[in-house]
Amino acid sequence: MLLPVLRAVLRIRWTSQMSRASTEIRWHQKRVDLGFMSDDGVVVVELKVSDWRRAVRQAFLNRWVAQSSWVALWHDCITDAAVEAAREAGVGLLVVTRDTAYPLVTPGPPMRPGGESPVQEELLARGTRMRDLLAEAREVHRAAFA
């Protein structure tokens, strides 16, 4: 699911290929699936094939460390309940297809606007670029859909 989300992030122009980005970013006792730097600050995305309840809970907590927090769900698993839960939690919802992703729900404001973010610190320390994640994700995606 990572490749379609990365493609969408670049297509929508949330960030550039040279922006800092990483997967599995440690934050206290949890990991954020995807994080990247945008012009507005840190954006985080929880990627789940079907467990939208868990994804919404995680994304809600991520609002404390990001400018915007999203859930990316496989298109076949989007339900009215998932959409409503995302809206109520103030998190964005991306519909993921084999080739790309589309925003369905826009996230609310961060819980701690303008504050220091441990996820941002991790992104800056790792030095990974969006283009590097994209190259790695292409290989995994090819193998999955071969």
C-alpha atoms as a PDB file:
ATOM      1  CA  MET A   1       0.000   0.000   0.000  1.00  0.00           C
ATOM      2  CA  LEU A   2       2.943   2.326   0.435  1.00  0.00           C
ATOM      3  CA  LEU A   3       3.634   2.976  -3.265  1.00  0.00           C
ATOM      4  CA  PRO A   4       0.122   4.208  -4.145  1.00  0.00           C
ATOM      5  CA  VAL A   5       0.153   6.511  -1.109  1.00  0.00           C
ATOM      6  CA  LEU A   6       3.581   7.928  -1.993  1.00  0.00           C
ATOM      7  CA  ARG A   7       2.445   8.498  -5.572  1.00  0.00           C
ATOM      8  CA  ALA A   8      -0.627  10.347  -4.325  1.00  0.00           C
ATOM      9  CA  VAL A   9       1.382  12.497  -1.917  1.00  0.00           C
ATOM     10  CA  LEU A  10       3.576  13.637  -4.813  1.00  0.00           C
ATOM     11  CA  ARG A  11       0.671  13.981  -7.281  1.00  0.00           C
ATOM     12  CA  ILE A  12      -1.312  16.148  -4.876  1.00  0.00           C
ATOM     13  CA  ARG A  13       1.913  18.111  -4.205  1.00  0.00           C
ATOM     14  CA  TRP A  14       1.856  17.720  -0.446  1.00  0.00           C
ATOM     15  CA  THR A  15       5.632  17.418  -0.638  1.00  0.00           C
ATOM     16  CA  SER A  16       8.485  17.013  -3.109  1.00  0.00           C
ATOM     17  CA  GLN A  17      10.754  14.096  -3.958  1.00  0.00           C
ATOM     18  CA  MET A  18      13.566  15.790  -2.044  1.00  0.00           C
ATOM     19  CA  SER A  19      11.582  16.215   1.187  1.00  0.00           C
ATOM     20  CA  ARG A  20      12.468  14.241   4.292  1.00  0.00           C
ATOM     21  CA  ALA A  21      10.351  11.142   4.716  1.00  0.00           C
ATOM     22  CA  SER A  22      10.450   7.849   6.520  1.00  0.00           C
ATOM     23  CA  THR A  23       8.451   4.780   7.463  1.00  0.00           C
ATOM     24  CA  GLU A  24       8.071   3.097  10.847  1.00  0.00           C
ATOM     25  CA  ILE A  25       8.950   6.235  12.820  1.00  0.00           C
ATOM     26  CA  ARG A  26       9.280   5.567  16.527  1.00  0.00           C
ATOM     27  CA  TRP A  27       7.231   7.709  18.860  1.00  0.00           C
ATOM     28  CA  HIS A  28       7.114   6.587  22.479  1.00  0.00           C
ATOM     29  CA  GLN A  29       5.856   2.994  22.473  1.00  0.00           C
ATOM     30  CA  LYS A  30       4.386   3.092  18.969  1.00  0.00           C
ATOM     31  CA  ARG A  31       5.454   3.524  15.381  1.00  0.00           C
ATOM     32  CA  VAL A  32       4.009   5.855  12.785  1.00  0.00           C
ATOM     33  CA  ASP A  33       3.667   4.047   9.431  1.00  0.00           C
ATOM     34  CA  LEU A  34       4.663   6.994   7.216  1.00  0.00           C
ATOM     35  CA  GLY A  35       5.776  10.527   7.936  1.00  0.00           C
ATOM     36  CA  PHE A  36       7.088  13.295   5.734  1.00  0.00           C
ATOM     37  CA  MET A  37       7.839  16.983   5.789  1.00  0.00           C
ATOM     38  CA  SER A  38       5.537  19.324   3.888  1.00  0.00           C
ATOM     39  CA  ASP A  39       5.561  23.107   3.567  1.00  0.00           C
ATOM     40  CA  ASP A  40       3.080  23.190   6.472  1.00  0.00           C
ATOM     41  CA  GLY A  41       5.017  20.840   8.761  1.00  0.00           C
ATOM     42  CA  VAL A  42       4.907  17.135   9.541  1.00  0.00           C
ATOM     43  CA  VAL A  43       2.306  14.923   7.857  1.00  0.00           C
ATOM     44  CA  VAL A  44       1.760  11.375   9.115  1.00  0.00           C
ATOM     45  CA  VAL A  45      -0.194   8.503   7.598  1.00  0.00           C
ATOM     46  CA  GLU A  46      -1.366   5.240   9.140  1.00  0.00           C
ATOM     47  CA  LEU A  47      -1.622   2.567   6.430  1.00  0.00           C
ATOM     48  CA  LYS A  48      -4.115  -0.237   6.977  1.00  0.00           C
ATOM     49  CA  VAL A  49      -5.684  -2.692   4.575  1.00  0.00           C
ATOM     50  CA  SER A  50      -8.858  -3.208   6.569  1.00  0.00           C
ATOM     51  CA  ASP A  51      -8.573  -2.423  10.303  1.00  0.00           C
ATOM     52  CA  TRP A  52      -9.971   1.085  10.067  1.00  0.00           C
ATOM     53  CA  ARG A  53     -10.875   1.289  13.771  1.00  0.00           C
ATOM     54  CA  ARG A  54      -7.267   0.769  14.840  1.00  0.00           C
ATOM     55  CA  ALA A  55      -6.019   3.124  12.132  1.00  0.00           C
ATOM     56  CA  VAL A  56      -8.380   5.918  13.215  1.00  0.00           C
ATOM     57  CA  ARG A  57      -7.320   5.506  16.870  1.00  0.00           C
ATOM     58  CA  GLN A  58      -3.645   5.688  15.899  1.00  0.00           C
ATOM     59  CA  ALA A  59      -4.183   8.655  13.586  1.00  0.00           C
ATOM     60  CA  PHE A  60      -6.100  10.483  16.317  1.00  0.00           C
ATOM     61  CA  LEU A  61      -3.104  10.141  18.655  1.00  0.00           C
ATOM     62  CA  ASN A  62      -0.778  11.240  15.860  1.00  0.00           C
ATOM     63  CA  ARG A  63      -2.535  14.616  15.802  1.00  0.00           C
ATOM     64  CA  TRP A  64      -0.335  15.461  18.824  1.00  0.00           C
ATOM     65  CA  VAL A  65       2.875  15.210  16.781  1.00  0.00           C
ATOM     66  CA  ALA A  66       1.875  16.269  13.268  1.00  0.00           C
ATOM     67  CA  GLN A  67       0.389  19.177  11.408  1.00  0.00           C
ATOM     68  CA  SER A  68      -1.986  16.736   9.741  1.00  0.00           C
ATOM     69  CA  SER A  69      -2.760  13.091  10.397  1.00  0.00           C
ATOM     70  CA  TRP A  70      -4.226  10.670   7.864  1.00  0.00           C
ATOM     71  CA  VAL A  71      -5.516   7.114   7.585  1.00  0.00           C
ATOM     72  CA  ALA A  72      -4.899   5.279   4.292  1.00  0.00           C
ATOM     73  CA  LEU A  73      -7.365   2.413   3.709  1.00  0.00           C
ATOM     74  CA  TRP A  74      -7.701  -0.022   0.846  1.00  0.00           C
ATOM     75  CA  HIS A  75     -10.649   1.028  -1.355  1.00  0.00           C
ATOM     76  CA  ASP A  76     -12.599  -2.214  -0.801  1.00  0.00           C
ATOM     77  CA  CYS A  77     -12.580  -1.632   2.962  1.00  0.00           C
ATOM     78  CA  ILE A  78     -14.009   1.895   3.020  1.00  0.00           C
ATOM     79  CA  THR A  79     -17.370   1.961   4.777  1.00  0.00           C
ATOM     80  CA  ASP A  80     -19.712   4.723   5.880  1.00  0.00           C
ATOM     81  CA  ALA A  81     -18.690   3.920   9.462  1.00  0.00           C
ATOM     82  CA  ALA A  82     -14.999   4.380   8.627  1.00  0.00           C
ATOM     83  CA  VAL A  83     -15.678   7.738   6.965  1.00  0.00           C
ATOM     84  CA  GLU A  84     -17.754   8.930   9.928  1.00  0.00           C
ATOM     85  CA  ALA A  85     -15.140   7.744  12.439  1.00  0.00           C
ATOM     86  CA  ALA A  86     -12.392   9.637  10.584  1.00  0.00           C
ATOM     87  CA  ARG A  87     -14.481  12.827  10.553  1.00  0.00           C
ATOM     88  CA  GLU A  88     -15.289  12.538  14.261  1.00  0.00           C
ATOM     89  CA  ALA A  89     -11.624  11.914  15.139  1.00  0.00           C
ATOM     90  CA  GLY A  90     -10.438  14.858  13.045  1.00  0.00           C
ATOM     91  CA  VAL A  91      -8.186  12.735  10.843  1.00  0.00           C
ATOM     92  CA  GLY A  92      -7.959  12.624   7.071  1.00  0.00           C
ATOM     93  CA  LEU A  93      -8.936   9.576   5.057  1.00  0.00           C
ATOM     94  CA  LEU A  94      -7.158   8.409   1.909  1.00  0.00           C
ATOM     95  CA  VAL A  95      -8.776   5.818  -0.349  1.00  0.00           C
ATOM     96  CA  VAL A  96      -6.011   3.572  -1.697  1.00  0.00           C
ATOM     97  CA  THR A  97      -6.193   1.769  -5.049  1.00  0.00           C
ATOM     98  CA  ARG A  98      -3.557  -0.332  -6.770  1.00  0.00           C
ATOM     99  CA  ASP A  99      -1.994   2.706  -8.462  1.00  0.00           C
ATOM    100  CA  THR A 100      -2.687   5.745  -6.292  1.00  0.00           C
ATOM    101  CA  ALA A 101      -4.734   7.190  -3.424  1.00  0.00           C
ATOM    102  CA  TYR A 102      -7.381   9.890  -3.172  1.00  0.00           C
ATOM    103  CA  PRO A 103      -8.336  12.116  -0.237  1.00  0.00           C
ATOM    104  CA  LEU A 104     -11.895  11.478   0.922  1.00  0.00           C
ATOM    105  CA  VAL A 105     -11.946  13.252   4.319  1.00  0.00           C
ATOM    106  CA  THR A 106      -9.842  16.301   5.186  1.00  0.00           C
ATOM    107  CA  PRO A 107      -8.124  16.249   8.592  1.00  0.00           C
ATOM    108  CA  GLY A 108      -8.852  18.708  11.354  1.00  0.00           C
ATOM    109  CA  PRO A 109      -6.241  20.947  12.977  1.00  0.00           C
ATOM    110  CA  PRO A 110      -3.384  19.480  15.006  1.00  0.00           C
ATOM    111  CA  MET A 111      -3.867  18.949  18.735  1.00  0.00           C
ATOM    112  CA  ARG A 112      -0.669  20.857  19.508  1.00  0.00           C
ATOM    113  CA  PRO A 113      -0.238  23.498  16.805  1.00  0.00           C
ATOM    114  CA  GLY A 114       3.243  24.886  16.377  1.00  0.00           C
ATOM    115  CA  GLY A 115       4.769  22.648  19.030  1.00  0.00           C
ATOM    116  CA  GLU A 116       7.957  20.658  18.714  1.00  0.00           C
ATOM    117  CA  SER A 117       7.387  17.260  17.199  1.00  0.00           C
ATOM    118  CA  PRO A 118       9.410  14.142  18.037  1.00  0.00           C
ATOM    119  CA  VAL A 119       8.396  12.781  14.632  1.00  0.00           C
ATOM    120  CA  GLN A 120       9.887  15.851  12.946  1.00  0.00           C
ATOM    121  CA  GLU A 121      13.112  15.372  14.894  1.00  0.00           C
ATOM    122  CA  GLU A 122      13.257  11.746  13.751  1.00  0.00           C
ATOM    123  CA  LEU A 123      12.597  12.704  10.125  1.00  0.00           C
ATOM    124  CA  LEU A 124      15.363  15.281  10.153  1.00  0.00           C
ATOM    125  CA  ALA A 125      17.806  12.918  11.878  1.00  0.00           C
ATOM    126  CA  ARG A 126      17.265   9.993   9.492  1.00  0.00           C
ATOM    127  CA  GLY A 127      17.987  11.948   6.314  1.00  0.00           C
ATOM    128  CA  THR A 128      15.784   9.772   4.067  1.00  0.00           C
ATOM    129  CA  ARG A 129      14.269  11.481   1.046  1.00  0.00           C
ATOM    130  CA  MET A 130      10.830  10.870  -0.441  1.00  0.00           C
ATOM    131  CA  ARG A 131      12.449   9.700  -3.696  1.00  0.00           C
ATOM    132  CA  ASP A 132      14.353   6.970  -1.814  1.00  0.00           C
ATOM    133  CA  LEU A 133      11.158   5.685  -0.203  1.00  0.00           C
ATOM    134  CA  LEU A 134       9.492   5.737  -3.603  1.00  0.00           C
ATOM    135  CA  ALA A 135      12.256   3.614  -5.164  1.00  0.00           C
ATOM    136  CA  GLU A 136      12.078   1.049  -2.349  1.00  0.00           C
ATOM    137  CA  ALA A 137       8.277   0.928  -2.499  1.00  0.00           C
ATOM    138  CA  ARG A 138       8.337   0.290  -6.270  1.00  0.00           C
ATOM    139  CA  GLU A 139      10.314  -2.908  -5.737  1.00  0.00           C
ATOM    140  CA  VAL A 140       7.953  -4.186  -3.041  1.00  0.00           C
ATOM    141  CA  HIS A 141       4.910  -3.235  -5.113  1.00  0.00           C
ATOM    142  CA  ARG A 142       6.223  -5.070  -8.208  1.00  0.00           C
ATOM    143  CA  ALA A 143       6.761  -8.226  -6.165  1.00  0.00           C
ATOM    144  CA  ALA A 144       3.292  -8.007  -4.576  1.00  0.00           C
ATOM    145  CA  PHE A 145       1.459  -7.552  -7.883  1.00  0.00           C
ATOM    146  CA  ALA A 146       3.665  -9.776 -10.063  1.00  0.00           C
END
